[in-house]
Structures are given as structure tokens and as C-alpha cells.
């Protein structure tokens, strides 16, 4: 501590990468504009930028790739399970019956989405 100002404590070997990261981040300070974690090797920032990643697509309402119409959020209010339950995110041609457009300002809360039964 006298030389560096750092206190080092050996916690031994951990069995979980997740728990190791959780421990380290629970002791990290967070400041706006400053990166908390530093990645090394194939996950480093310099490697990431060499790959020239595409900019993130904006979330929210978009346009239909087929016809260009504005997409609007909907909620399933039909009988039984929603027809897209368990499907990956994507475009599907389905019967529009049972769906309702959300009103302006109305959110599709996750508590209204029926979770599949644990098996």
C-alpha cells in the first residue's frame, strides 16, 4: 500500500466468470463518459473498431421492409396464447385478428406478456 496506494487482497480461484465480473464491477466507480471495464484481446476496443461495426439500428417504430408503411406497436388481446409466443424477433405474416394497436403513450408492459410455463 505504501508504494502504490492500492490494497490487494487474494480471493483465491473463482468457479464463475459471471461472479468474478459481478464482484469486480460491484467495487467499480461509475462516472459519465468514462468506461468502467476494459476489455483485452479479441474483445478489446481497438479490435472492435478494426471490425468496423455497423451503427446500431434505432429502436422503436420503423418502416416495413416490404411496403414501407410505418410500423405500429400492438398488443395481443385474442383468445389463448399469442401466435408469436416463443418465436424469435423478426417479420411474420400472421392473421391480424386478436391484435390491438396501442394508443399514443400506452406501453406494452412486460407484465402483460404471458411467460411460457417452466418445464
N, C-alpha and C. Protein backbone atom coordinates (compact mmCIF):
# COMPACT_ATOMS: atom_id res chain seq x y z
N UNK A 1 0.82 -1.19 0.00
CA UNK A 1 0.00 0.00 0.00
C UNK A 1 0.86 1.25 0.00
N UNK A 2 1.99 1.21 0.67
CA UNK A 2 2.84 2.40 0.78
C UNK A 2 3.40 2.83 -0.57
N UNK A 3 3.70 1.87 -1.45
CA UNK A 3 4.30 2.21 -2.75
C UNK A 3 3.28 2.69 -3.77
N UNK A 4 2.11 2.03 -3.82
CA UNK A 4 1.15 2.28 -4.90
C UNK A 4 -0.15 2.92 -4.44
N UNK A 5 -0.48 2.78 -3.18
CA UNK A 5 -1.77 3.26 -2.70
C UNK A 5 -2.89 2.25 -2.90
N UNK A 6 -2.54 1.10 -3.47
CA UNK A 6 -3.53 0.05 -3.72
C UNK A 6 -3.48 -0.99 -2.62
N UNK A 7 -4.63 -1.49 -2.23
CA UNK A 7 -4.73 -2.62 -1.31
C UNK A 7 -5.10 -3.83 -2.14
N UNK A 8 -4.27 -4.87 -2.11
CA UNK A 8 -4.50 -6.07 -2.91
C UNK A 8 -4.87 -7.20 -1.98
N UNK A 9 -5.96 -7.89 -2.31
CA UNK A 9 -6.45 -8.99 -1.48
C UNK A 9 -6.69 -10.19 -2.40
N UNK A 10 -6.02 -11.30 -2.12
CA UNK A 10 -6.17 -12.50 -2.93
C UNK A 10 -7.43 -13.24 -2.50
N UNK A 11 -8.38 -13.39 -3.41
CA UNK A 11 -9.62 -14.08 -3.10
C UNK A 11 -9.61 -15.53 -3.53
N UNK A 12 -8.48 -16.01 -4.04
CA UNK A 12 -8.41 -17.40 -4.48
C UNK A 12 -9.02 -17.58 -5.85
N UNK A 13 -9.26 -18.82 -6.21
CA UNK A 13 -9.81 -19.16 -7.53
C UNK A 13 -11.32 -19.12 -7.48
N UNK A 14 -11.93 -18.49 -8.46
CA UNK A 14 -13.39 -18.46 -8.56
C UNK A 14 -13.84 -19.41 -9.65
N UNK A 15 -14.98 -20.04 -9.43
CA UNK A 15 -15.50 -21.00 -10.39
C UNK A 15 -16.33 -20.37 -11.49
N UNK A 16 -16.69 -19.09 -11.34
CA UNK A 16 -17.63 -18.48 -12.26
C UNK A 16 -17.10 -17.16 -12.79
N UNK A 17 -17.05 -17.03 -14.10
CA UNK A 17 -16.66 -15.76 -14.72
C UNK A 17 -17.68 -14.69 -14.35
N UNK A 18 -18.98 -15.07 -14.35
CA UNK A 18 -20.05 -14.12 -14.02
C UNK A 18 -19.85 -13.56 -12.61
N UNK A 19 -19.60 -14.45 -11.63
CA UNK A 19 -19.43 -13.97 -10.25
C UNK A 19 -18.17 -13.13 -10.09
N UNK A 20 -17.12 -13.47 -10.84
CA UNK A 20 -15.91 -12.66 -10.80
C UNK A 20 -16.18 -11.26 -11.32
N UNK A 21 -16.85 -11.17 -12.47
CA UNK A 21 -17.19 -9.86 -13.04
C UNK A 21 -18.13 -9.10 -12.12
N UNK A 22 -19.09 -9.80 -11.52
CA UNK A 22 -20.03 -9.16 -10.59
C UNK A 22 -19.27 -8.55 -9.42
N UNK A 23 -18.32 -9.30 -8.86
CA UNK A 23 -17.54 -8.81 -7.74
C UNK A 23 -16.74 -7.57 -8.14
N UNK A 24 -16.05 -7.67 -9.28
CA UNK A 24 -15.21 -6.55 -9.71
C UNK A 24 -16.04 -5.30 -9.99
N UNK A 25 -17.16 -5.47 -10.68
CA UNK A 25 -17.99 -4.31 -11.01
C UNK A 25 -18.69 -3.74 -9.79
N UNK A 26 -18.92 -4.56 -8.76
CA UNK A 26 -19.55 -4.04 -7.54
C UNK A 26 -18.61 -3.11 -6.79
N UNK A 27 -17.33 -3.16 -7.12
CA UNK A 27 -16.34 -2.29 -6.50
C UNK A 27 -15.85 -1.19 -7.44
N UNK A 28 -16.47 -1.07 -8.60
CA UNK A 28 -16.02 -0.09 -9.59
C UNK A 28 -16.79 1.22 -9.44
N UNK A 29 -16.08 2.31 -9.63
CA UNK A 29 -16.75 3.60 -9.64
C UNK A 29 -17.28 3.88 -11.04
N UNK A 30 -18.42 4.53 -11.12
CA UNK A 30 -19.03 4.82 -12.42
C UNK A 30 -19.10 6.34 -12.57
N UNK A 31 -18.55 6.81 -13.68
CA UNK A 31 -18.57 8.24 -13.96
C UNK A 31 -18.97 8.42 -15.42
N UNK A 32 -19.86 9.36 -15.68
CA UNK A 32 -20.34 9.59 -17.04
C UNK A 32 -19.17 9.90 -17.97
N UNK A 33 -19.16 9.22 -19.11
CA UNK A 33 -18.13 9.44 -20.10
C UNK A 33 -16.85 8.64 -19.88
N UNK A 34 -16.81 7.83 -18.81
CA UNK A 34 -15.64 7.02 -18.52
C UNK A 34 -16.03 5.56 -18.58
N UNK A 35 -15.23 4.77 -19.29
CA UNK A 35 -15.50 3.34 -19.43
C UNK A 35 -15.12 2.63 -18.13
N UNK A 36 -16.04 1.85 -17.56
CA UNK A 36 -15.81 1.17 -16.28
C UNK A 36 -14.95 -0.07 -16.46
N UNK A 37 -15.22 -0.86 -17.48
CA UNK A 37 -14.48 -2.10 -17.71
C UNK A 37 -13.62 -1.96 -18.95
N UNK A 38 -12.45 -2.57 -18.92
CA UNK A 38 -11.56 -2.58 -20.07
C UNK A 38 -11.46 -4.00 -20.60
N UNK A 39 -11.74 -4.16 -21.86
CA UNK A 39 -11.65 -5.47 -22.50
C UNK A 39 -10.27 -5.62 -23.11
N UNK A 40 -9.78 -6.88 -23.13
CA UNK A 40 -8.46 -7.16 -23.70
C UNK A 40 -8.59 -8.25 -24.77
N UNK A 41 -7.55 -8.40 -25.56
CA UNK A 41 -7.51 -9.47 -26.55
C UNK A 41 -8.51 -9.25 -27.66
N UNK A 42 -9.23 -10.34 -28.04
CA UNK A 42 -10.15 -10.26 -29.18
C UNK A 42 -11.36 -9.39 -28.87
N UNK A 43 -11.58 -9.02 -27.61
CA UNK A 43 -12.71 -8.17 -27.25
C UNK A 43 -12.29 -6.72 -26.99
N UNK A 44 -11.03 -6.39 -27.22
CA UNK A 44 -10.55 -5.04 -26.91
C UNK A 44 -11.20 -4.00 -27.82
N UNK A 45 -11.18 -2.76 -27.36
CA UNK A 45 -11.78 -1.67 -28.14
C UNK A 45 -11.09 -1.51 -29.49
N UNK A 46 -9.76 -1.63 -29.52
CA UNK A 46 -9.06 -1.45 -30.80
C UNK A 46 -9.43 -2.54 -31.79
N UNK A 47 -9.60 -3.78 -31.32
CA UNK A 47 -10.02 -4.87 -32.20
C UNK A 47 -11.44 -4.63 -32.68
N UNK A 48 -12.31 -4.19 -31.77
CA UNK A 48 -13.70 -3.94 -32.11
C UNK A 48 -13.81 -2.90 -33.23
N UNK A 49 -13.07 -1.82 -33.13
CA UNK A 49 -13.18 -0.76 -34.13
C UNK A 49 -12.54 -1.16 -35.46
N UNK A 50 -11.57 -2.09 -35.44
CA UNK A 50 -10.99 -2.58 -36.69
C UNK A 50 -12.02 -3.38 -37.48
N UNK A 51 -13.00 -3.97 -36.80
CA UNK A 51 -14.04 -4.74 -37.46
C UNK A 51 -15.06 -3.85 -38.17
N UNK A 52 -14.99 -2.55 -37.90
CA UNK A 52 -15.91 -1.56 -38.48
C UNK A 52 -17.37 -1.97 -38.28
N UNK A 53 -17.81 -2.03 -37.03
CA UNK A 53 -19.19 -2.44 -36.78
C UNK A 53 -20.18 -1.43 -37.35
N UNK A 54 -21.31 -1.94 -37.80
CA UNK A 54 -22.35 -1.05 -38.30
C UNK A 54 -22.96 -0.30 -37.13
N UNK A 55 -23.42 0.93 -37.36
CA UNK A 55 -24.08 1.65 -36.26
C UNK A 55 -25.33 0.90 -35.83
N UNK A 56 -25.66 1.04 -34.54
CA UNK A 56 -26.86 0.38 -34.02
C UNK A 56 -28.09 0.90 -34.73
N UNK A 57 -28.99 -0.01 -35.04
CA UNK A 57 -30.26 0.41 -35.64
C UNK A 57 -31.10 1.07 -34.56
N UNK A 58 -31.77 2.16 -34.91
CA UNK A 58 -32.62 2.80 -33.90
C UNK A 58 -33.75 1.86 -33.50
N UNK A 59 -34.06 1.84 -32.19
CA UNK A 59 -35.15 1.02 -31.68
C UNK A 59 -36.44 1.81 -31.83
N UNK A 60 -37.52 1.11 -31.70
CA UNK A 60 -38.81 1.77 -31.75
C UNK A 60 -39.47 1.59 -33.10
N UNK A 61 -40.40 2.48 -33.38
CA UNK A 61 -41.16 2.36 -34.61
C UNK A 61 -40.26 2.52 -35.82
N UNK A 62 -40.47 1.68 -36.80
CA UNK A 62 -39.70 1.75 -38.02
C UNK A 62 -40.61 1.65 -39.22
N UNK A 63 -40.05 1.23 -40.32
CA UNK A 63 -40.83 1.08 -41.55
C UNK A 63 -40.78 -0.38 -41.98
N UNK A 64 -41.86 -0.83 -42.59
CA UNK A 64 -41.95 -2.19 -43.12
C UNK A 64 -40.99 -2.32 -44.29
N UNK A 65 -40.20 -3.40 -44.30
CA UNK A 65 -39.24 -3.61 -45.40
C UNK A 65 -39.95 -4.00 -46.69
N UNK A 66 -41.16 -4.53 -46.59
CA UNK A 66 -41.89 -4.97 -47.78
C UNK A 66 -42.59 -3.81 -48.49
N UNK A 67 -43.35 -3.00 -47.70
CA UNK A 67 -44.18 -1.97 -48.34
C UNK A 67 -43.81 -0.54 -47.94
N UNK A 68 -42.95 -0.37 -46.91
CA UNK A 68 -42.55 0.96 -46.48
C UNK A 68 -43.51 1.64 -45.53
N UNK A 69 -44.60 0.94 -45.13
CA UNK A 69 -45.56 1.53 -44.19
C UNK A 69 -44.93 1.65 -42.80
N UNK A 70 -45.41 2.65 -42.03
CA UNK A 70 -44.92 2.84 -40.68
C UNK A 70 -45.40 1.69 -39.79
N UNK A 71 -44.48 1.12 -39.01
CA UNK A 71 -44.84 0.04 -38.09
C UNK A 71 -45.41 0.64 -36.81
N UNK A 72 -46.42 0.01 -36.26
CA UNK A 72 -47.06 0.48 -35.04
C UNK A 72 -47.08 -0.64 -34.02
N UNK A 73 -46.88 -0.31 -32.72
CA UNK A 73 -46.88 -1.36 -31.69
C UNK A 73 -48.29 -1.90 -31.46
N UNK A 74 -48.35 -3.21 -31.19
CA UNK A 74 -49.63 -3.88 -30.96
C UNK A 74 -49.57 -4.71 -29.68
N UNK A 75 -50.73 -5.10 -29.18
CA UNK A 75 -50.85 -5.99 -28.02
C UNK A 75 -51.82 -7.10 -28.38
N UNK A 76 -51.49 -8.33 -27.98
CA UNK A 76 -52.37 -9.48 -28.20
C UNK A 76 -53.48 -9.45 -27.18
N UNK A 77 -54.73 -9.43 -27.64
CA UNK A 77 -55.89 -9.48 -26.76
C UNK A 77 -56.86 -10.57 -27.21
N UNK A 78 -56.39 -11.47 -28.06
CA UNK A 78 -57.22 -12.56 -28.55
C UNK A 78 -57.29 -13.70 -27.56
N UNK A 79 -57.96 -14.76 -27.95
CA UNK A 79 -58.10 -15.95 -27.10
C UNK A 79 -56.81 -16.77 -27.13
N UNK A 80 -56.45 -17.32 -25.99
CA UNK A 80 -55.29 -18.21 -25.93
C UNK A 80 -53.97 -17.47 -25.97
N UNK A 81 -52.94 -18.24 -26.24
CA UNK A 81 -51.59 -17.68 -26.29
C UNK A 81 -51.39 -16.87 -27.57
N UNK A 82 -50.54 -15.83 -27.51
CA UNK A 82 -50.24 -15.06 -28.72
C UNK A 82 -49.62 -15.98 -29.77
N UNK A 83 -49.96 -15.79 -31.04
CA UNK A 83 -49.44 -16.66 -32.09
C UNK A 83 -47.92 -16.59 -32.26
N UNK A 84 -47.30 -15.52 -31.80
CA UNK A 84 -45.86 -15.39 -31.96
C UNK A 84 -45.09 -15.76 -30.69
N UNK A 85 -45.78 -16.28 -29.69
CA UNK A 85 -45.12 -16.64 -28.44
C UNK A 85 -44.04 -17.68 -28.72
N UNK A 86 -42.84 -17.41 -28.22
CA UNK A 86 -41.73 -18.33 -28.41
C UNK A 86 -40.98 -18.16 -29.72
N UNK A 87 -41.44 -17.26 -30.59
CA UNK A 87 -40.77 -17.03 -31.87
C UNK A 87 -39.66 -16.00 -31.69
N UNK A 88 -38.64 -16.09 -32.51
CA UNK A 88 -37.58 -15.10 -32.50
C UNK A 88 -38.09 -13.78 -33.06
N UNK A 89 -37.42 -12.68 -32.69
CA UNK A 89 -37.79 -11.38 -33.22
C UNK A 89 -37.60 -11.40 -34.73
N UNK A 90 -38.56 -10.87 -35.46
CA UNK A 90 -38.47 -10.85 -36.91
C UNK A 90 -39.80 -10.50 -37.53
N UNK A 91 -39.90 -10.64 -38.83
CA UNK A 91 -41.13 -10.35 -39.55
C UNK A 91 -41.90 -11.62 -39.85
N UNK A 92 -43.18 -11.64 -39.55
CA UNK A 92 -44.02 -12.81 -39.77
C UNK A 92 -45.33 -12.38 -40.41
N UNK A 93 -45.87 -13.18 -41.32
CA UNK A 93 -47.19 -12.94 -41.90
C UNK A 93 -48.17 -13.78 -41.09
N UNK A 94 -49.03 -13.11 -40.30
CA UNK A 94 -49.99 -13.83 -39.46
C UNK A 94 -51.36 -13.18 -39.59
N UNK A 95 -52.38 -13.87 -39.11
CA UNK A 95 -53.74 -13.34 -39.09
C UNK A 95 -53.78 -12.15 -38.13
N UNK A 96 -54.26 -10.97 -38.56
CA UNK A 96 -54.27 -9.80 -37.68
C UNK A 96 -55.34 -9.85 -36.60
N UNK A 97 -56.26 -10.82 -36.66
CA UNK A 97 -57.31 -10.91 -35.65
C UNK A 97 -56.75 -11.17 -34.27
N UNK A 98 -57.27 -10.48 -33.26
CA UNK A 98 -56.83 -10.66 -31.88
C UNK A 98 -55.80 -9.65 -31.43
N UNK A 99 -55.27 -8.88 -32.36
CA UNK A 99 -54.28 -7.86 -32.03
C UNK A 99 -54.95 -6.49 -31.97
N UNK A 100 -54.43 -5.60 -31.11
CA UNK A 100 -54.95 -4.24 -30.98
C UNK A 100 -53.77 -3.28 -31.02
N UNK A 101 -53.94 -2.18 -31.81
CA UNK A 101 -52.91 -1.14 -31.81
C UNK A 101 -52.89 -0.45 -30.46
N UNK A 102 -51.70 -0.12 -29.96
CA UNK A 102 -51.59 0.62 -28.71
C UNK A 102 -51.92 2.09 -28.96
N UNK A 103 -52.54 2.71 -27.98
CA UNK A 103 -52.84 4.14 -28.06
C UNK A 103 -51.55 4.93 -27.84
N UNK A 104 -51.52 6.21 -28.27
CA UNK A 104 -50.36 7.05 -28.03
C UNK A 104 -50.07 7.11 -26.54
N UNK A 105 -48.81 6.89 -26.16
CA UNK A 105 -48.42 6.95 -24.76
C UNK A 105 -48.65 5.65 -23.99
N UNK A 106 -49.35 4.70 -24.58
CA UNK A 106 -49.61 3.42 -23.91
C UNK A 106 -48.42 2.49 -24.14
N UNK A 107 -47.94 1.87 -23.07
CA UNK A 107 -46.80 0.97 -23.18
C UNK A 107 -47.24 -0.48 -23.19
N UNK A 108 -46.49 -1.31 -23.83
CA UNK A 108 -46.74 -2.74 -23.84
C UNK A 108 -45.89 -3.35 -22.73
N UNK A 109 -46.36 -3.24 -21.50
CA UNK A 109 -45.58 -3.66 -20.33
C UNK A 109 -45.29 -5.14 -20.36
N UNK A 110 -44.10 -5.51 -19.87
CA UNK A 110 -43.71 -6.93 -19.85
C UNK A 110 -44.61 -7.73 -18.93
N UNK A 111 -45.27 -7.09 -17.95
CA UNK A 111 -46.16 -7.84 -17.06
C UNK A 111 -47.41 -8.31 -17.80
N UNK A 112 -47.68 -7.75 -18.98
CA UNK A 112 -48.84 -8.17 -19.76
C UNK A 112 -48.49 -9.29 -20.73
N UNK A 113 -47.20 -9.59 -20.85
CA UNK A 113 -46.76 -10.65 -21.74
C UNK A 113 -46.76 -11.95 -20.96
N UNK A 114 -47.49 -12.94 -21.46
CA UNK A 114 -47.57 -14.21 -20.76
C UNK A 114 -46.28 -15.00 -20.97
N UNK A 115 -45.65 -15.37 -19.88
CA UNK A 115 -44.42 -16.15 -19.95
C UNK A 115 -44.77 -17.62 -20.14
N UNK A 116 -43.96 -18.35 -20.90
CA UNK A 116 -44.22 -19.78 -21.04
C UNK A 116 -44.02 -20.49 -19.71
N UNK A 117 -44.82 -21.54 -19.47
CA UNK A 117 -44.69 -22.30 -18.22
C UNK A 117 -43.31 -22.93 -18.14
N UNK A 118 -42.76 -22.93 -16.90
CA UNK A 118 -41.47 -23.59 -16.69
C UNK A 118 -41.66 -25.09 -16.84
N UNK A 119 -40.78 -25.71 -17.58
CA UNK A 119 -40.90 -27.16 -17.80
C UNK A 119 -39.78 -27.90 -17.15
